Amino acid sequence: MTVSDLVTRFPEIPEDLHGEPILTTFADVFDSLLSQASKPSACTRDHTPEHQYYLKLVGPMDIYRYGLFTRERVLDEIQKLLDAQDLTPDTFAESLLADR
């Protein structure tokens, strides 16, 4: 997935992040999970795996959009996701569902 694909699929990602090199890596590394991710509605009580992928992967950028994270924090959150995937590539997707 390219950054263009990512921000088209998730227009809630703020424009000031679109040019960040880390977003290119993020889109590439998490392509398969992002392709499945879907934003849950506000009243959803039972989150599907697709909702969990969205909440864990795209959620920090959506929180930043509302001004609840700083730019530095959201970039740090993205880096933490990439680092976690590097450490445990075989079980990373499962770790996103761990609180179910």
PDB file of N, CA and C in Angstrom:
ATOM      1  N   MET A   1       0.853  -1.167   0.000  1.00  0.00           N
ATOM      2  CA  MET A   1       0.000   0.000   0.000  1.00  0.00           C
ATOM      3  C   MET A   1       0.901   1.233   0.000  1.00  0.00           C
ATOM      4  N   THR A   2       0.549   2.187  -0.808  1.00  0.00           N
ATOM      5  CA  THR A   2       1.290   3.445  -0.839  1.00  0.00           C
ATOM      6  C   THR A   2       0.658   4.423   0.142  1.00  0.00           C
ATOM      7  N   VAL A   3       1.353   5.511   0.413  1.00  0.00           N
ATOM      8  CA  VAL A   3       0.795   6.549   1.277  1.00  0.00           C
ATOM      9  C   VAL A   3      -0.470   7.106   0.632  1.00  0.00           C
ATOM     10  N   SER A   4      -0.439   7.268  -0.670  1.00  0.00           N
ATOM     11  CA  SER A   4      -1.620   7.764  -1.379  1.00  0.00           C
ATOM     12  C   SER A   4      -2.809   6.831  -1.164  1.00  0.00           C
ATOM     13  N   ASP A   5      -2.581   5.525  -1.268  1.00  0.00           N
ATOM     14  CA  ASP A   5      -3.641   4.544  -1.012  1.00  0.00           C
ATOM     15  C   ASP A   5      -4.129   4.651   0.438  1.00  0.00           C
ATOM     16  N   LEU A   6      -3.180   4.790   1.352  1.00  0.00           N
ATOM     17  CA  LEU A   6      -3.497   4.859   2.773  1.00  0.00           C
ATOM     18  C   LEU A   6      -4.388   6.055   3.097  1.00  0.00           C
ATOM     19  N   VAL A   7      -4.001   7.233   2.622  1.00  0.00           N
ATOM     20  CA  VAL A   7      -4.770   8.432   2.968  1.00  0.00           C
ATOM     21  C   VAL A   7      -6.081   8.515   2.183  1.00  0.00           C
ATOM     22  N   THR A   8      -6.156   7.812   1.070  1.00  0.00           N
ATOM     23  CA  THR A   8      -7.432   7.723   0.360  1.00  0.00           C
ATOM     24  C   THR A   8      -8.381   6.824   1.133  1.00  0.00           C
ATOM     25  N   ARG A   9      -7.851   5.719   1.624  1.00  0.00           N
ATOM     26  CA  ARG A   9      -8.672   4.774   2.395  1.00  0.00           C
ATOM     27  C   ARG A   9      -9.077   5.363   3.750  1.00  0.00           C
ATOM     28  N   PHE A  10      -8.162   6.130   4.351  1.00  0.00           N
ATOM     29  CA  PHE A  10      -8.406   6.715   5.669  1.00  0.00           C
ATOM     30  C   PHE A  10      -8.180   8.235   5.600  1.00  0.00           C
ATOM     31  N   PRO A  11      -9.159   8.954   5.091  1.00  0.00           N
ATOM     32  CA  PRO A  11      -8.991  10.411   4.930  1.00  0.00           C
ATOM     33  C   PRO A  11      -8.859  11.160   6.252  1.00  0.00           C
ATOM     34  N   GLU A  12      -9.102  10.488   7.356  1.00  0.00           N
ATOM     35  CA  GLU A  12      -8.947  11.114   8.657  1.00  0.00           C
ATOM     36  C   GLU A  12      -7.481  11.309   9.044  1.00  0.00           C
ATOM     37  N   ILE A  13      -6.555  10.725   8.290  1.00  0.00           N
ATOM     38  CA  ILE A  13      -5.135  10.933   8.569  1.00  0.00           C
ATOM     39  C   ILE A  13      -4.805  12.378   8.184  1.00  0.00           C
ATOM     40  N   PRO A  14      -4.333  13.168   9.145  1.00  0.00           N
ATOM     41  CA  PRO A  14      -4.065  14.584   8.886  1.00  0.00           C
ATOM     42  C   PRO A  14      -3.039  14.806   7.761  1.00  0.00           C
ATOM     43  N   GLU A  15      -3.296  15.851   6.990  1.00  0.00           N
ATOM     44  CA  GLU A  15      -2.442  16.157   5.837  1.00  0.00           C
ATOM     45  C   GLU A  15      -0.994  16.399   6.210  1.00  0.00           C
ATOM     46  N   ASP A  16      -0.734  16.962   7.377  1.00  0.00           N
ATOM     47  CA  ASP A  16       0.653  17.261   7.730  1.00  0.00           C
ATOM     48  C   ASP A  16       1.482  15.993   7.982  1.00  0.00           C
ATOM     49  N   LEU A  17       0.829  14.832   8.022  1.00  0.00           N
ATOM     50  CA  LEU A  17       1.562  13.563   8.161  1.00  0.00           C
ATOM     51  C   LEU A  17       1.836  12.903   6.814  1.00  0.00           C
ATOM     52  N   HIS A  18       1.143  13.314   5.777  1.00  0.00           N
ATOM     53  CA  HIS A  18       1.231  12.642   4.477  1.00  0.00           C
ATOM     54  C   HIS A  18       2.652  12.576   3.926  1.00  0.00           C
ATOM     55  N   GLY A  19       3.462  13.576   4.154  1.00  0.00           N
ATOM     56  CA  GLY A  19       4.819  13.604   3.622  1.00  0.00           C
ATOM     57  C   GLY A  19       5.873  12.997   4.527  1.00  0.00           C
ATOM     58  N   GLU A  20       5.471  12.489   5.660  1.00  0.00           N
ATOM     59  CA  GLU A  20       6.425  11.907   6.604  1.00  0.00           C
ATOM     60  C   GLU A  20       6.975  10.580   6.059  1.00  0.00           C
ATOM     61  N   PRO A  21       8.299  10.424   6.002  1.00  0.00           N
ATOM     62  CA  PRO A  21       8.877   9.163   5.516  1.00  0.00           C
ATOM     63  C   PRO A  21       8.401   7.945   6.307  1.00  0.00           C
ATOM     64  N   ILE A  22       8.162   8.117   7.603  1.00  0.00           N
ATOM     65  CA  ILE A  22       7.716   6.993   8.425  1.00  0.00           C
ATOM     66  C   ILE A  22       6.341   6.494   7.971  1.00  0.00           C
ATOM     67  N   LEU A  23       5.511   7.362   7.403  1.00  0.00           N
ATOM     68  CA  LEU A  23       4.198   6.955   6.927  1.00  0.00           C
ATOM     69  C   LEU A  23       4.331   6.045   5.703  1.00  0.00           C
ATOM     70  N   THR A  24       5.354   6.281   4.895  1.00  0.00           N
ATOM     71  CA  THR A  24       5.626   5.405   3.751  1.00  0.00           C
ATOM     72  C   THR A  24       5.959   4.003   4.237  1.00  0.00           C
ATOM     73  N   THR A  25       6.820   3.924   5.244  1.00  0.00           N
ATOM     74  CA  THR A  25       7.187   2.631   5.825  1.00  0.00           C
ATOM     75  C   THR A  25       5.970   1.971   6.463  1.00  0.00           C
ATOM     76  N   PHE A  26       5.198   2.738   7.206  1.00  0.00           N
ATOM     77  CA  PHE A  26       3.993   2.260   7.865  1.00  0.00           C
ATOM     78  C   PHE A  26       3.025   1.640   6.850  1.00  0.00           C
ATOM     79  N   ALA A  27       2.764   2.356   5.766  1.00  0.00           N
ATOM     80  CA  ALA A  27       1.833   1.874   4.740  1.00  0.00           C
ATOM     81  C   ALA A  27       2.334   0.581   4.105  1.00  0.00           C
ATOM     82  N   ASP A  28       3.623   0.496   3.883  1.00  0.00           N
ATOM     83  CA  ASP A  28       4.207  -0.697   3.266  1.00  0.00           C
ATOM     84  C   ASP A  28       4.192  -1.888   4.221  1.00  0.00           C
ATOM     85  N   VAL A  29       4.645  -1.681   5.436  1.00  0.00           N
ATOM     86  CA  VAL A  29       4.759  -2.767   6.412  1.00  0.00           C
ATOM     87  C   VAL A  29       3.390  -3.326   6.808  1.00  0.00           C
ATOM     88  N   PHE A  30       2.425  -2.453   6.999  1.00  0.00           N
ATOM     89  CA  PHE A  30       1.119  -2.883   7.491  1.00  0.00           C
ATOM     90  C   PHE A  30       0.062  -3.000   6.387  1.00  0.00           C
ATOM     91  N   ASP A  31       0.499  -3.113   5.168  1.00  0.00           N
ATOM     92  CA  ASP A  31      -0.403  -3.189   4.017  1.00  0.00           C
ATOM     93  C   ASP A  31      -1.553  -4.172   4.221  1.00  0.00           C
ATOM     94  N   SER A  32      -1.249  -5.393   4.573  1.00  0.00           N
ATOM     95  CA  SER A  32      -2.306  -6.411   4.671  1.00  0.00           C
ATOM     96  C   SER A  32      -3.280  -6.117   5.810  1.00  0.00           C
ATOM     97  N   LEU A  33      -2.789  -5.609   6.922  1.00  0.00           N
ATOM     98  CA  LEU A  33      -3.676  -5.280   8.045  1.00  0.00           C
ATOM     99  C   LEU A  33      -4.501  -4.029   7.748  1.00  0.00           C
ATOM    100  N   LEU A  34      -3.877  -3.042   7.122  1.00  0.00           N
ATOM    101  CA  LEU A  34      -4.602  -1.821   6.780  1.00  0.00           C
ATOM    102  C   LEU A  34      -5.670  -2.082   5.723  1.00  0.00           C
ATOM    103  N   SER A  35      -5.415  -3.050   4.864  1.00  0.00           N
ATOM    104  CA  SER A  35      -6.409  -3.408   3.844  1.00  0.00           C
ATOM    105  C   SER A  35      -7.654  -4.012   4.466  1.00  0.00           C
ATOM    106  N   GLN A  36      -7.504  -4.608   5.627  1.00  0.00           N
ATOM    107  CA  GLN A  36      -8.635  -5.209   6.336  1.00  0.00           C
ATOM    108  C   GLN A  36      -9.292  -4.257   7.326  1.00  0.00           C
ATOM    109  N   ALA A  37      -8.550  -3.264   7.774  1.00  0.00           N
ATOM    110  CA  ALA A  37      -9.015  -2.374   8.836  1.00  0.00           C
ATOM    111  C   ALA A  37     -10.268  -1.606   8.437  1.00  0.00           C
ATOM    112  N   SER A  38     -11.155  -1.440   9.411  1.00  0.00           N
ATOM    113  CA  SER A  38     -12.345  -0.604   9.186  1.00  0.00           C
ATOM    114  C   SER A  38     -12.682   0.147  10.467  1.00  0.00           C
ATOM    115  N   LYS A  39     -13.069   1.387  10.286  1.00  0.00           N
ATOM    116  CA  LYS A  39     -13.388   2.241  11.424  1.00  0.00           C
ATOM    117  C   LYS A  39     -14.727   1.834  12.020  1.00  0.00           C
ATOM    118  N   PRO A  40     -14.743   1.534  13.314  1.00  0.00           N
ATOM    119  CA  PRO A  40     -16.012   1.162  13.948  1.00  0.00           C
ATOM    120  C   PRO A  40     -16.898   2.396  14.134  1.00  0.00           C
ATOM    121  N   SER A  41     -18.177   2.169  14.174  1.00  0.00           N
ATOM    122  CA  SER A  41     -19.075   3.288  14.458  1.00  0.00           C
ATOM    123  C   SER A  41     -18.943   3.644  15.938  1.00  0.00           C
ATOM    124  N   ALA A  42     -19.398   4.816  16.277  1.00  0.00           N
ATOM    125  CA  ALA A  42     -19.261   5.312  17.651  1.00  0.00           C
ATOM    126  C   ALA A  42     -19.995   4.444  18.672  1.00  0.00           C
ATOM    127  N   CYS A  43     -21.032   3.750  18.243  1.00  0.00           N
ATOM    128  CA  CYS A  43     -21.814   2.958  19.195  1.00  0.00           C
ATOM    129  C   CYS A  43     -21.466   1.466  19.175  1.00  0.00           C
ATOM    130  N   THR A  44     -20.429   1.093  18.455  1.00  0.00           N
ATOM    131  CA  THR A  44     -20.025  -0.309  18.393  1.00  0.00           C
ATOM    132  C   THR A  44     -19.560  -0.783  19.759  1.00  0.00           C
ATOM    133  N   ARG A  45     -20.090  -1.928  20.164  1.00  0.00           N
ATOM    134  CA  ARG A  45     -19.712  -2.495  21.461  1.00  0.00           C
ATOM    135  C   ARG A  45     -18.825  -3.719  21.311  1.00  0.00           C
ATOM    136  N   ASP A  46     -18.997  -4.453  20.233  1.00  0.00           N
ATOM    137  CA  ASP A  46     -18.208  -5.656  19.996  1.00  0.00           C
ATOM    138  C   ASP A  46     -17.285  -5.398  18.809  1.00  0.00           C
ATOM    139  N   HIS A  47     -16.021  -5.175  19.102  1.00  0.00           N
ATOM    140  CA  HIS A  47     -15.075  -4.849  18.042  1.00  0.00           C
ATOM    141  C   HIS A  47     -14.564  -6.104  17.338  1.00  0.00           C
ATOM    142  N   THR A  48     -14.709  -6.106  16.031  1.00  0.00           N
ATOM    143  CA  THR A  48     -14.203  -7.187  15.195  1.00  0.00           C
ATOM    144  C   THR A  48     -12.690  -7.024  15.054  1.00  0.00           C
ATOM    145  N   PRO A  49     -12.002  -8.030  14.530  1.00  0.00           N
ATOM    146  CA  PRO A  49     -10.568  -7.853  14.267  1.00  0.00           C
ATOM    147  C   PRO A  49     -10.297  -6.653  13.356  1.00  0.00           C
ATOM    148  N   GLU A  50     -11.165  -6.426  12.386  1.00  0.00           N
ATOM    149  CA  GLU A  50     -10.981  -5.298  11.473  1.00  0.00           C
ATOM    150  C   GLU A  50     -11.057  -3.968  12.220  1.00  0.00           C
ATOM    151  N   HIS A  51     -11.933  -3.895  13.215  1.00  0.00           N
ATOM    152  CA  HIS A  51     -12.029  -2.690  14.039  1.00  0.00           C
ATOM    153  C   HIS A  51     -10.776  -2.528  14.898  1.00  0.00           C
ATOM    154  N   GLN A  52     -10.312  -3.635  15.459  1.00  0.00           N
ATOM    155  CA  GLN A  52      -9.104  -3.580  16.290  1.00  0.00           C
ATOM    156  C   GLN A  52      -7.900  -3.112  15.480  1.00  0.00           C
ATOM    157  N   TYR A  53      -7.768  -3.604  14.254  1.00  0.00           N
ATOM    158  CA  TYR A  53      -6.659  -3.163  13.402  1.00  0.00           C
ATOM    159  C   TYR A  53      -6.735  -1.663  13.187  1.00  0.00           C
ATOM    160  N   TYR A  54      -7.928  -1.171  12.932  1.00  0.00           N
ATOM    161  CA  TYR A  54      -8.104   0.270  12.736  1.00  0.00           C
ATOM    162  C   TYR A  54      -7.729   1.029  14.004  1.00  0.00           C
ATOM    163  N   LEU A  55      -8.295   0.614  15.126  1.00  0.00           N
ATOM    164  CA  LEU A  55      -8.080   1.334  16.380  1.00  0.00           C
ATOM    165  C   LEU A  55      -6.607   1.380  16.772  1.00  0.00           C
ATOM    166  N   LYS A  56      -5.897   0.285  16.564  1.00  0.00           N
ATOM    167  CA  LYS A  56      -4.494   0.227  16.973  1.00  0.00           C
ATOM    168  C   LYS A  56      -3.558   0.880  15.959  1.00  0.00           C
ATOM    169  N   LEU A  57      -3.856   0.732  14.667  1.00  0.00           N
ATOM    170  CA  LEU A  57      -2.952   1.246  13.635  1.00  0.00           C
ATOM    171  C   LEU A  57      -3.278   2.680  13.217  1.00  0.00           C
ATOM    172  N   VAL A  58      -4.513   2.951  12.908  1.00  0.00           N
ATOM    173  CA  VAL A  58      -4.913   4.273  12.413  1.00  0.00           C
ATOM    174  C   VAL A  58      -5.373   5.170  13.563  1.00  0.00           C
ATOM    175  N   GLY A  59      -5.850   4.574  14.622  1.00  0.00           N
ATOM    176  CA  GLY A  59      -6.377   5.322  15.754  1.00  0.00           C
ATOM    177  C   GLY A  59      -5.490   6.446  16.272  1.00  0.00           C
ATOM    178  N   PRO A  60      -4.183   6.207  16.468  1.00  0.00           N
ATOM    179  CA  PRO A  60      -3.339   7.305  16.955  1.00  0.00           C
ATOM    180  C   PRO A  60      -3.341   8.528  16.031  1.00  0.00           C
ATOM    181  N   MET A  61      -3.412   8.289  14.726  1.00  0.00           N
ATOM    182  CA  MET A  61      -3.442   9.413  13.789  1.00  0.00           C
ATOM    183  C   MET A  61      -4.782  10.139  13.848  1.00  0.00           C
ATOM    184  N   ASP A  62      -5.844   9.397  14.108  1.00  0.00           N
ATOM    185  CA  ASP A  62      -7.157  10.008  14.253  1.00  0.00           C
ATOM    186  C   ASP A  62      -7.217  10.819  15.546  1.00  0.00           C
ATOM    187  N   ILE A  63      -6.616  10.314  16.599  1.00  0.00           N
ATOM    188  CA  ILE A  63      -6.548  11.049  17.871  1.00  0.00           C
ATOM    189  C   ILE A  63      -5.768  12.351  17.677  1.00  0.00           C
ATOM    190  N   TYR A  64      -4.671  12.277  16.933  1.00  0.00           N
ATOM    191  CA  TYR A  64      -3.869  13.467  16.635  1.00  0.00           C
ATOM    192  C   TYR A  64      -4.707  14.498  15.873  1.00  0.00           C
ATOM    193  N   ARG A  65      -5.540  14.037  14.972  1.00  0.00           N
ATOM    194  CA  ARG A  65      -6.392  14.924  14.183  1.00  0.00           C
ATOM    195  C   ARG A  65      -7.266  15.781  15.096  1.00  0.00           C
ATOM    196  N   TYR A  66      -7.693  15.223  16.206  1.00  0.00           N
ATOM    197  CA  TYR A  66      -8.535  15.957  17.155  1.00  0.00           C
ATOM    198  C   TYR A  66      -7.733  16.805  18.139  1.00  0.00           C
ATOM    199  N   GLY A  67      -6.409  16.789  17.987  1.00  0.00           N
ATOM    200  CA  GLY A  67      -5.569  17.603  18.858  1.00  0.00           C
ATOM    201  C   GLY A  67      -5.295  16.995  20.213  1.00  0.00           C
ATOM    202  N   LEU A  68      -5.568  15.701  20.352  1.00  0.00           N
ATOM    203  CA  LEU A  68      -5.367  15.036  21.639  1.00  0.00           C
ATOM    204  C   LEU A  68      -3.990  14.400  21.766  1.00  0.00           C
ATOM    205  N   PHE A  69      -3.255  14.322  20.673  1.00  0.00           N
ATOM    206  CA  PHE A  69      -1.849  13.900  20.659  1.00  0.00           C
ATOM    207  C   PHE A  69      -1.061  15.024  20.003  1.00  0.00           C
ATOM    208  N   THR A  70       0.191  15.152  20.388  1.00  0.00           N
ATOM    209  CA  THR A  70       1.079  16.062  19.669  1.00  0.00           C
ATOM    210  C   THR A  70       1.599  15.347  18.432  1.00  0.00           C
ATOM    211  N   ARG A  71       2.130  16.111  17.512  1.00  0.00           N
ATOM    212  CA  ARG A  71       2.725  15.537  16.297  1.00  0.00           C
ATOM    213  C   ARG A  71       3.845  14.558  16.673  1.00  0.00           C
ATOM    214  N   GLU A  72       4.671  14.957  17.616  1.00  0.00           N
ATOM    215  CA  GLU A  72       5.781  14.104  18.046  1.00  0.00           C
ATOM    216  C   GLU A  72       5.263  12.797  18.642  1.00  0.00           C
ATOM    217  N   ARG A  73       4.192  12.895  19.406  1.00  0.00           N
ATOM    218  CA  ARG A  73       3.655  11.686  20.030  1.00  0.00           C
ATOM    219  C   ARG A  73       3.099  10.726  18.986  1.00  0.00           C
ATOM    220  N   VAL A  74       2.370  11.241  18.007  1.00  0.00           N
ATOM    221  CA  VAL A  74       1.799  10.338  17.002  1.00  0.00           C
ATOM    222  C   VAL A  74       2.907   9.687  16.172  1.00  0.00           C
ATOM    223  N   LEU A  75       3.953  10.438  15.865  1.00  0.00           N
ATOM    224  CA  LEU A  75       5.072   9.842  15.120  1.00  0.00           C
ATOM    225  C   LEU A  75       5.772   8.785  15.973  1.00  0.00           C
ATOM    226  N   ASP A  76       5.865   9.034  17.270  1.00  0.00           N
ATOM    227  CA  ASP A  76       6.439   8.050  18.192  1.00  0.00           C
ATOM    228  C   ASP A  76       5.557   6.798  18.265  1.00  0.00           C
ATOM    229  N   GLU A  77       4.240   6.978  18.287  1.00  0.00           N
ATOM    230  CA  GLU A  77       3.314   5.837  18.308  1.00  0.00           C
ATOM    231  C   GLU A  77       3.471   4.991  17.043  1.00  0.00           C
ATOM    232  N   ILE A  78       3.612   5.648  15.904  1.00  0.00           N
ATOM    233  CA  ILE A  78       3.818   4.918  14.641  1.00  0.00           C
ATOM    234  C   ILE A  78       5.124   4.133  14.709  1.00  0.00           C
ATOM    235  N   GLN A  79       6.183   4.756  15.225  1.00  0.00           N
ATOM    236  CA  GLN A  79       7.466   4.071  15.340  1.00  0.00           C
ATOM    237  C   GLN A  79       7.371   2.877  16.283  1.00  0.00           C
ATOM    238  N   LYS A  80       6.645   3.016  17.375  1.00  0.00           N
ATOM    239  CA  LYS A  80       6.475   1.902  18.311  1.00  0.00           C
ATOM    240  C   LYS A  80       5.771   0.724  17.636  1.00  0.00           C
ATOM    241  N   LEU A  81       4.784   1.012  16.803  1.00  0.00           N
ATOM    242  CA  LEU A  81       4.097  -0.061  16.069  1.00  0.00           C
ATOM    243  C   LEU A  81       5.065  -0.765  15.120  1.00  0.00           C
ATOM    244  N   LEU A  82       5.864   0.016  14.419  1.00  0.00           N
ATOM    245  CA  LEU A  82       6.843  -0.573  13.496  1.00  0.00           C
ATOM    246  C   LEU A  82       7.876  -1.404  14.253  1.00  0.00           C
ATOM    247  N   ASP A  83       8.334  -0.892  15.387  1.00  0.00           N
ATOM    248  CA  ASP A  83       9.313  -1.631  16.201  1.00  0.00           C
ATOM    249  C   ASP A  83       8.718  -2.935  16.725  1.00  0.00           C
ATOM    250  N   ALA A  84       7.485  -2.889  17.183  1.00  0.00           N
ATOM    251  CA  ALA A  84       6.824  -4.092  17.698  1.00  0.00           C
ATOM    252  C   ALA A  84       6.668  -5.127  16.595  1.00  0.00           C
ATOM    253  N   GLN A  85       6.341  -4.684  15.404  1.00  0.00           N
ATOM    254  CA  GLN A  85       6.193  -5.610  14.279  1.00  0.00           C
ATOM    255  C   GLN A  85       7.543  -6.226  13.922  1.00  0.00           C
ATOM    256  N   ASP A  86       8.612  -5.433  14.002  1.00  0.00           N
ATOM    257  CA  ASP A  86       9.959  -5.954  13.723  1.00  0.00           C
ATOM    258  C   ASP A  86      10.372  -7.015  14.741  1.00  0.00           C
ATOM    259  N   LEU A  87       9.995  -6.808  16.003  1.00  0.00           N
ATOM    260  CA  LEU A  87      10.378  -7.747  17.061  1.00  0.00           C
ATOM    261  C   LEU A  87       9.625  -9.073  16.983  1.00  0.00           C
ATOM    262  N   THR A  88       8.361  -9.005  16.612  1.00  0.00           N
ATOM    263  CA  THR A  88       7.524 -10.204  16.596  1.00  0.00           C
ATOM    264  C   THR A  88       6.679 -10.265  15.319  1.00  0.00           C
ATOM    265  N   PRO A  89       7.332 -10.396  14.177  1.00  0.00           N
ATOM    266  CA  PRO A  89       6.575 -10.355  12.916  1.00  0.00           C
ATOM    267  C   PRO A  89       5.525 -11.459  12.774  1.00  0.00           C
ATOM    268  N   ASP A  90       5.779 -12.612  13.362  1.00  0.00           N
ATOM    269  CA  ASP A  90       4.850 -13.725  13.215  1.00  0.00           C
ATOM    270  C   ASP A  90       3.602 -13.594  14.090  1.00  0.00           C
ATOM    271  N   THR A  91       3.694 -12.816  15.144  1.00  0.00           N
ATOM    272  CA  THR A  91       2.563 -12.704  16.071  1.00  0.00           C
ATOM    273  C   THR A  91       2.051 -11.275  16.244  1.00  0.00           C
ATOM    274  N   PHE A  92       2.591 -10.350  15.479  1.00  0.00           N
ATOM    275  CA  PHE A  92       2.201  -8.951  15.657  1.00  0.00           C
ATOM    276  C   PHE A  92       0.703  -8.745  15.463  1.00  0.00           C
ATOM    277  N   ALA A  93       0.137  -9.264  14.394  1.00  0.00           N
ATOM    278  CA  ALA A  93      -1.303  -9.078  14.132  1.00  0.00           C
ATOM    279  C   ALA A  93      -2.126  -9.604  15.297  1.00  0.00           C
ATOM    280  N   GLU A  94      -1.729 -10.734  15.853  1.00  0.00           N
ATOM    281  CA  GLU A  94      -2.434 -11.295  17.011  1.00  0.00           C
ATOM    282  C   GLU A  94      -2.334 -10.381  18.219  1.00  0.00           C
ATOM    283  N   SER A  95      -1.198  -9.713  18.371  1.00  0.00           N
ATOM    284  CA  SER A  95      -1.016  -8.825  19.522  1.00  0.00           C
ATOM    285  C   SER A  95      -1.973  -7.645  19.468  1.00  0.00           C
ATOM    286  N   LEU A  96      -2.401  -7.269  18.296  1.00  0.00           N
ATOM    287  CA  LEU A  96      -3.374  -6.188  18.165  1.00  0.00           C
ATOM    288  C   LEU A  96      -4.750  -6.598  18.677  1.00  0.00           C
ATOM    289  N   LEU A  97      -4.949  -7.898  18.775  1.00  0.00           N
ATOM    290  CA  LEU A  97      -6.233  -8.446  19.227  1.00  0.00           C
ATOM    291  C   LEU A  97      -6.161  -8.944  20.664  1.00  0.00           C
ATOM    292  N   ALA A  98      -5.054  -8.748  21.318  1.00  0.00           N
ATOM    293  CA  ALA A  98      -4.785  -9.350  22.626  1.00  0.00           C
ATOM    294  C   ALA A  98      -5.811  -9.006  23.701  1.00  0.00           C
ATOM    295  N   ASP A  99      -6.403  -7.828  23.629  1.00  0.00           N
ATOM    296  CA  ASP A  99      -7.330  -7.432  24.695  1.00  0.00           C
ATOM    297  C   ASP A  99      -8.757  -7.936  24.465  1.00  0.00           C
ATOM    298  N   ARG A 100      -8.954  -8.779  23.499  1.00  0.00           N
ATOM    299  CA  ARG A 100     -10.293  -9.308  23.192  1.00  0.00           C
ATOM    300  C   ARG A 100     -10.645 -10.390  24.180  1.00  0.00           C
TER     301      ARG A 100
END
